[in-house]
Structure formats: structure tokens, C-alpha cells
Amino acid sequence: MGKSKKQRLHRTPHVPYDKRTKLKEPHTTTQRASQPPFTPTDRILLVGEGDFSFARSLYTHHDCRSLVATCYDSVAALAEKHPQSSEHIHDLEEAARQDASVVEIKILYGVDATKLGKSLPAGGGKLVRKGGFDRVMFNFPHVGGLTKDVNRQVRYNQGSPSVIVRFHTHGLIGGTELLVGFFRAATPLLTPAGTIIVTIFEGEPYSLWNIRDLARHVGLQVGRSFKFHAEAYQGYRHARTLGNIEGGRGWKGEDRDARTYVFERKDVGQTQTQQAKRMSSDSDEDD
């Protein structure tokens, strides 16, 4: 309690982006792989945050100054499932009030990834609807533990129109699309050169989702993909959809292999796509 806010946040001092050394082209494949798919000057929409540790890391360790971070849970549900979220949210809200370099840091609750831009709370209201986002990010999309059957999990998370999907404790939503619905809702919110960034675990059942094909059906294509490095986001911890495991037991998502996909509109032009592929054309790339 006696520590000051600056001591507790350990935030890197703000430096104008045009003076940063990271503007230089990375020379090694390791440097390319570790570079995040955003810049500090981007306006970023985070969808499906768990305990907001990722959002906090973007501010404290990546110097992001324009964040709209959303979660599906209500305030009460979030506090019950992820008690640690209160500290992360407090730090973000304090930054918004006290850090003069912040453009905007907003926290929204009860936001459905498939209804972005619609009325509060599910769509985020005007703040989301006005768009203008350089990056829309959705880390580890999942509808929760509906079933242990792999085939049903695939259908639920793909968003087959014939499937009824239940989101946590909010009852049944008929015909809801998750990934496809998210892509459709997020695309109109982008700037002309904006991208949608989705990270999912590798291996089954996630590889069966065919995320590339799902995006292709709604006019998106993969600009690049790369392994997700959780250690690049200091302070980040993977938050389970169903909440913390009592006693801290169980596997840690940040230790599991995962992959990040950067999607762009098909109409952005071949030049930008080819340029992005060249930057990631190493052993870490599977395009």
C-alpha cells in the first residue's frame, strides 16, 4: 500500500514514437518474430479480455496510448471469475486519469464479440461503433466448456448457423456465430489499412476450426502469421473462459503453443500483402 503508483506499474517512460529505435527494420528472424503486430500510436480495440492483464501490458510495457478494452463478462461475473482483474483495471483507469500522454483508455463490460458496434452493453455502443481502429485484437476466442466432444467444440467456435451457442451464464443464443460473427462485426470498425488480429492455441481442436477459411468467407485474408510469445507481454497471464482454478492448479495457457494471425481486407492490395509476407518469411511462418 505504501508504494507509489509509478513504482507499482513499472511503466516505461513515454518517448515519442518517431524517436524510437524499433522503427529500424529488424535484421534477424528472432527479432521479426518478437515484434508485436501493432505500434504504440495505433488505436486498438481488445475483444474478449479475460482479466485485463493483456491490456495492462500493452500500456505498461508497450507504451500503447489508445486502448478500448472489452470483456464479455459483467462487472460482477468478472470479479467472481477473475478476482485479480480488479488490480489490472484499477491501473488502467488510473493511467487514463493521470497520464497526460494517454489518448484514451476505456474499459467496457458485457461486450459480445459478434455484436460489436451495436447498442450498450453487448455492442459497446457509440465508443465502438464510431470505429477508426487500427487493430482489433481477439486473444484465444472460445465459447467456454460447453462440451468435451471435439466435433461439437469445432462447430460451436466456428459459429455454424445451425448451432445454438451458450455463452457462459448468459443463457442460450440461437444461431450465434463466434469467429465468423466476430470477423463480420469487426471489419467495418477498421481504418482503411487496419487489421484484425486473432490468437488461438495450436493443435486440435483449434486447428480444426480452419480459421483461414472462415476469414476468407467474409472478405479477409491472412497477411502473416507467427508464433505467439506470451513472454513478450510482461505481466500477462492467460485467463480461462470459465474462471480461475481454485488454488491456482491446472495448466497455464501462456505456456502452451499458440499462433497469431493478422487478417487484412482482401481489397487492401497485393503490395501490402506481399510486403507483410516478406517480413515474416522465416521458419516461424506457415503461409
Protein backbone atom coordinates (compact mmCIF):
# COMPACT_ATOMS: atom_id res chain seq x y z
CA MET A 1 0.00 0.00 0.00
CA GLY A 2 2.93 2.33 0.67
CA LYS A 3 4.31 2.02 -2.84
CA SER A 4 3.57 4.83 -5.24
CA LYS A 5 1.65 4.22 -8.46
CA LYS A 6 4.76 4.72 -10.57
CA GLN A 7 6.62 2.12 -8.58
CA ARG A 8 3.87 -0.43 -8.88
CA LEU A 9 3.21 0.00 -12.60
CA HIS A 10 6.89 -0.04 -13.63
CA ARG A 11 5.87 1.68 -16.85
CA THR A 12 8.46 2.53 -19.48
CA PRO A 13 8.78 6.35 -19.72
CA HIS A 14 6.90 7.76 -22.69
CA VAL A 15 9.05 8.55 -25.72
CA PRO A 16 7.60 9.96 -28.98
CA TYR A 17 7.21 7.05 -31.39
CA ASP A 18 9.14 8.71 -34.20
CA LYS A 19 12.25 8.71 -31.99
CA ARG A 20 12.11 5.02 -31.13
CA THR A 21 14.83 2.66 -32.29
CA LYS A 22 12.19 -0.01 -33.01
CA LEU A 23 11.42 1.86 -36.22
CA LYS A 24 14.53 0.23 -37.65
CA GLU A 25 13.94 -2.88 -39.74
CA PRO A 26 14.75 -6.00 -37.68
CA HIS A 27 17.72 -7.91 -39.06
CA THR A 28 17.09 -11.38 -37.64
CA THR A 29 14.21 -13.82 -37.77
CA THR A 30 14.08 -13.82 -33.96
CA GLN A 31 13.63 -10.05 -33.92
CA ARG A 32 10.89 -10.26 -36.55
CA ALA A 33 9.03 -12.97 -34.64
CA SER A 34 9.15 -10.99 -31.41
CA GLN A 35 7.83 -7.77 -32.92
CA PRO A 36 4.19 -7.22 -31.88
CA PRO A 37 1.61 -6.69 -34.65
CA PHE A 38 0.86 -3.13 -33.52
CA THR A 39 2.63 0.15 -32.75
CA PRO A 40 2.27 2.48 -29.74
CA THR A 41 0.42 5.01 -31.89
CA ASP A 42 -2.29 2.56 -33.03
CA ARG A 43 -5.86 2.85 -31.80
CA ILE A 44 -6.55 -0.67 -30.51
CA LEU A 45 -9.79 -2.47 -29.69
CA LEU A 46 -9.33 -5.52 -27.46
CA VAL A 47 -12.15 -8.06 -27.57
CA GLY A 48 -12.77 -10.87 -25.12
CA GLU A 49 -10.29 -9.79 -22.46
CA GLY A 50 -10.07 -12.22 -19.55
CA ASP A 51 -8.56 -10.46 -16.54
CA PHE A 52 -7.26 -7.41 -18.46
CA SER A 53 -3.64 -8.37 -17.84
CA PHE A 54 -3.00 -8.21 -21.59
CA ALA A 55 -4.47 -4.71 -21.84
CA ARG A 56 -2.40 -3.63 -18.87
CA SER A 57 0.75 -4.99 -20.50
CA LEU A 58 0.06 -3.04 -23.70
CA TYR A 59 0.04 0.16 -21.65
CA THR A 60 2.81 -0.54 -19.18
CA HIS A 61 5.31 -2.35 -21.41
CA HIS A 62 4.39 -1.49 -24.99
CA ASP A 63 3.55 2.17 -24.44
CA CYS A 64 0.15 1.92 -26.16
CA ARG A 65 -1.82 5.08 -25.53
CA SER A 66 -5.15 4.44 -27.24
CA LEU A 67 -6.93 1.34 -25.92
CA VAL A 68 -10.56 0.28 -25.77
CA ALA A 69 -10.54 -2.99 -23.81
CA THR A 70 -13.69 -5.10 -23.58
CA CYS A 71 -14.75 -8.33 -21.92
CA TYR A 72 -17.84 -10.50 -22.27
CA ASP A 73 -18.48 -10.78 -18.55
CA SER A 74 -20.43 -8.32 -16.44
CA VAL A 75 -18.62 -6.49 -13.65
CA ALA A 76 -19.96 -8.95 -11.06
CA ALA A 77 -19.17 -12.07 -13.11
CA LEU A 78 -15.67 -10.84 -13.86
CA ALA A 79 -14.93 -10.18 -10.18
CA GLU A 80 -16.10 -13.68 -9.29
CA LYS A 81 -14.24 -15.49 -12.06
CA HIS A 82 -11.05 -13.41 -12.11
CA PRO A 83 -10.54 -11.51 -8.82
CA GLN A 84 -7.10 -10.38 -9.99
CA SER A 85 -8.76 -8.31 -12.73
CA SER A 86 -9.63 -5.53 -10.27
CA GLU A 87 -5.98 -4.55 -9.87
CA HIS A 88 -5.36 -4.55 -13.62
CA ILE A 89 -8.46 -2.46 -14.28
CA HIS A 90 -7.56 -0.05 -11.48
CA ASP A 91 -4.12 0.51 -13.00
CA LEU A 92 -5.63 1.19 -16.44
CA GLU A 93 -8.22 3.59 -15.06
CA GLU A 94 -5.56 5.43 -13.05
CA ALA A 95 -3.46 5.75 -16.19
CA ALA A 96 -6.40 7.25 -18.05
CA ARG A 97 -6.82 9.85 -15.30
CA GLN A 98 -3.22 10.70 -14.54
CA ASP A 99 -1.06 10.04 -17.61
CA ALA A 100 -1.13 13.09 -19.87
CA SER A 101 0.28 11.05 -22.78
CA VAL A 102 -2.81 8.79 -22.88
CA VAL A 103 -5.16 9.45 -25.78
CA GLU A 104 -7.87 7.15 -24.43
CA ILE A 105 -8.10 4.10 -22.20
CA LYS A 106 -11.63 2.75 -21.84
CA ILE A 107 -12.95 -0.41 -20.17
CA LEU A 108 -16.25 -1.92 -21.34
CA TYR A 109 -18.12 -4.89 -19.83
CA GLY A 110 -20.72 -7.26 -21.26
CA VAL A 111 -19.50 -6.87 -24.86
CA ASP A 112 -20.31 -9.67 -27.31
CA ALA A 113 -17.62 -10.16 -29.97
CA THR A 114 -20.31 -10.85 -32.60
CA LYS A 115 -22.25 -7.65 -31.89
CA LEU A 116 -19.53 -5.02 -31.96
CA GLY A 117 -20.86 -1.58 -32.77
CA LYS A 118 -24.40 -2.24 -31.59
CA SER A 119 -26.04 -0.68 -28.53
CA LEU A 120 -24.69 -0.98 -25.00
CA PRO A 121 -23.73 -3.19 -23.40
CA ALA A 122 -23.45 -6.03 -25.91
CA GLY A 123 -22.10 -3.95 -28.79
CA GLY A 124 -20.06 -1.40 -26.89
CA GLY A 125 -22.25 1.49 -28.04
CA LYS A 126 -21.00 4.66 -29.74
CA LEU A 127 -17.44 4.28 -28.48
CA VAL A 128 -17.05 1.10 -30.52
CA ARG A 129 -19.46 1.97 -33.32
CA LYS A 130 -17.51 5.07 -34.40
CA GLY A 131 -14.73 2.71 -35.46
CA GLY A 132 -11.40 4.10 -36.56
CA PHE A 133 -9.43 1.21 -35.07
CA ASP A 134 -6.03 0.38 -36.49
CA ARG A 135 -6.08 -3.01 -34.77
CA VAL A 136 -8.90 -5.18 -33.45
CA MET A 137 -7.48 -7.99 -31.33
CA PHE A 138 -9.16 -11.14 -30.02
CA ASN A 139 -6.92 -13.42 -27.99
CA PHE A 140 -7.95 -17.06 -27.59
CA PRO A 141 -11.62 -16.88 -28.64
CA HIS A 142 -13.64 -19.68 -27.09
CA VAL A 143 -17.24 -20.10 -26.00
CA GLY A 144 -16.35 -21.99 -22.83
CA GLY A 145 -16.71 -25.58 -21.70
CA LEU A 146 -19.92 -26.48 -23.48
CA THR A 147 -18.87 -30.00 -24.30
CA LYS A 148 -15.87 -32.33 -24.38
CA ASP A 149 -16.89 -33.61 -27.80
CA VAL A 150 -14.31 -32.30 -30.28
CA ASN A 151 -16.70 -32.10 -33.26
CA ARG A 152 -19.21 -30.08 -31.29
CA GLN A 153 -16.48 -27.77 -29.98
CA VAL A 154 -15.42 -27.07 -33.56
CA ARG A 155 -18.97 -26.21 -34.62
CA TYR A 156 -19.56 -24.01 -31.59
CA ASN A 157 -16.41 -21.98 -32.08
CA GLN A 158 -16.65 -21.75 -35.85
CA GLY A 159 -20.14 -20.42 -35.48
CA SER A 160 -22.17 -22.76 -37.64
CA PRO A 161 -25.53 -21.03 -38.20
CA SER A 162 -27.38 -24.21 -37.29
CA VAL A 163 -25.80 -24.42 -33.86
CA ILE A 164 -27.13 -22.85 -30.69
CA VAL A 165 -24.24 -21.49 -28.67
CA ARG A 166 -24.33 -20.79 -24.95
CA PHE A 167 -22.03 -18.05 -23.69
CA HIS A 168 -21.08 -18.63 -20.06
CA THR A 169 -24.03 -17.88 -17.74
CA HIS A 170 -25.92 -15.63 -20.13
CA GLY A 171 -28.30 -18.25 -21.41
CA LEU A 172 -28.82 -19.60 -24.92
CA ILE A 173 -28.33 -17.53 -28.04
CA GLY A 174 -29.74 -19.11 -31.17
CA GLY A 175 -27.71 -19.20 -34.40
CA THR A 176 -24.88 -17.16 -32.90
CA GLU A 177 -21.63 -17.14 -34.89
CA LEU A 178 -18.44 -16.69 -32.92
CA LEU A 179 -15.44 -16.39 -35.20
CA VAL A 180 -17.39 -15.61 -38.37
CA GLY A 181 -19.66 -13.26 -36.43
CA PHE A 182 -16.65 -11.54 -34.91
CA PHE A 183 -14.98 -11.07 -38.30
CA ARG A 184 -18.16 -9.59 -39.75
CA ALA A 185 -18.67 -7.25 -36.82
CA ALA A 186 -15.05 -6.12 -36.55
CA THR A 187 -14.26 -5.42 -40.21
CA PRO A 188 -16.39 -2.23 -40.55
CA LEU A 189 -14.66 -0.80 -37.46
CA LEU A 190 -11.22 -0.80 -39.08
CA THR A 191 -9.32 2.08 -40.62
CA PRO A 192 -8.60 1.55 -44.35
CA ALA A 193 -5.28 -0.15 -43.56
CA GLY A 194 -6.45 -1.68 -40.27
CA THR A 195 -6.05 -5.33 -39.35
CA ILE A 196 -7.84 -7.95 -37.26
CA ILE A 197 -5.52 -9.98 -35.04
CA VAL A 198 -6.60 -13.33 -33.62
CA THR A 199 -4.51 -15.67 -31.48
CA ILE A 200 -5.50 -19.30 -30.93
CA PHE A 201 -3.81 -22.36 -29.49
CA GLU A 202 -2.09 -24.77 -31.86
CA GLY A 203 -3.18 -28.38 -32.27
CA GLU A 204 -6.65 -29.91 -32.01
CA PRO A 205 -9.38 -28.91 -31.69
CA TYR A 206 -8.20 -25.42 -32.64
CA SER A 207 -6.56 -26.47 -35.91
CA LEU A 208 -9.92 -27.93 -36.95
CA TRP A 209 -11.55 -24.51 -36.82
CA ASN A 210 -10.00 -23.65 -40.20
CA ILE A 211 -9.71 -20.04 -39.18
CA ARG A 212 -8.18 -19.02 -42.52
CA ASP A 213 -11.19 -20.33 -44.44
CA LEU A 214 -13.63 -18.71 -42.04
CA ALA A 215 -11.96 -15.34 -42.59
CA ARG A 216 -11.84 -15.85 -46.35
CA HIS A 217 -15.61 -16.27 -46.43
CA VAL A 218 -16.09 -12.76 -45.05
CA GLY A 219 -13.60 -10.99 -47.30
CA LEU A 220 -10.44 -11.26 -45.20
CA GLN A 221 -7.08 -12.85 -45.87
CA VAL A 222 -4.05 -13.70 -43.75
CA GLY A 223 -1.34 -11.09 -44.16
CA ARG A 224 1.01 -13.04 -41.93
CA SER A 225 1.02 -15.46 -39.02
CA PHE A 226 3.59 -16.22 -36.35
CA LYS A 227 4.05 -17.97 -33.04
CA PHE A 228 2.57 -16.14 -30.08
CA HIS A 229 5.19 -15.31 -27.46
CA ALA A 230 3.44 -14.72 -24.13
CA GLU A 231 6.71 -13.58 -22.55
CA ALA A 232 6.66 -10.55 -24.87
CA TYR A 233 3.77 -9.22 -22.79
CA GLN A 234 5.18 -8.80 -19.32
CA GLY A 235 2.58 -9.36 -16.60
CA TYR A 236 0.19 -11.15 -18.95
CA ARG A 237 -1.44 -14.35 -17.74
CA HIS A 238 -3.86 -16.46 -19.75
CA ALA A 239 -7.32 -16.27 -18.17
CA ARG A 240 -9.60 -19.28 -18.59
CA THR A 241 -13.04 -18.61 -20.07
CA LEU A 242 -14.66 -20.36 -17.11
CA GLY A 243 -12.57 -18.54 -14.50
CA ASN A 244 -9.65 -19.27 -12.19
CA ILE A 245 -8.98 -22.79 -10.97
CA GLU A 246 -9.13 -22.89 -7.18
CA GLY A 247 -5.66 -22.99 -5.66
CA GLY A 248 -4.03 -21.95 -8.93
CA ARG A 249 -3.81 -25.53 -10.15
CA GLY A 250 -4.09 -26.70 -13.74
CA TRP A 251 -2.27 -25.89 -16.98
CA LYS A 252 -1.12 -22.39 -17.82
CA GLY A 253 -2.27 -21.16 -21.19
CA GLU A 254 0.74 -18.88 -21.60
CA ASP A 255 2.99 -21.98 -21.60
CA ARG A 256 1.09 -23.65 -24.43
CA ASP A 257 1.99 -23.23 -28.12
CA ALA A 258 -0.21 -20.65 -29.81
CA ARG A 259 -0.31 -18.80 -33.10
CA THR A 260 -1.26 -15.26 -34.03
CA TYR A 261 -2.99 -14.50 -37.33
CA VAL A 262 -3.04 -10.99 -38.78
CA PHE A 263 -6.02 -10.59 -41.11
CA GLU A 264 -6.47 -7.81 -43.62
CA ARG A 265 -9.16 -6.96 -46.13
CA LYS A 266 -8.71 -8.63 -49.49
CA ASP A 267 -9.09 -5.23 -51.14
CA VAL A 268 -6.08 -3.62 -49.45
CA GLY A 269 -3.92 -4.54 -52.44
CA GLN A 270 -1.34 -7.15 -53.24
CA THR A 271 1.60 -4.87 -52.48
CA GLN A 272 0.82 -4.62 -48.78
CA THR A 273 0.17 -8.36 -48.55
CA GLN A 274 3.42 -9.31 -50.27
CA GLN A 275 5.35 -6.86 -48.11
CA ALA A 276 3.92 -8.35 -44.92
CA LYS A 277 4.72 -11.89 -46.08
CA ARG A 278 8.31 -10.97 -46.85
CA MET A 279 8.73 -9.61 -43.32
CA SER A 280 7.58 -12.90 -41.84
CA SER A 281 9.07 -15.34 -44.38
CA ASP A 282 11.08 -17.39 -41.94
CA SER A 283 10.82 -20.80 -40.30
CA ASP A 284 8.15 -19.42 -37.97
CA GLU A 285 5.83 -18.65 -40.88
CA ASP A 286 3.43 -21.24 -42.28
CA ASP A 287 1.87 -19.33 -45.17
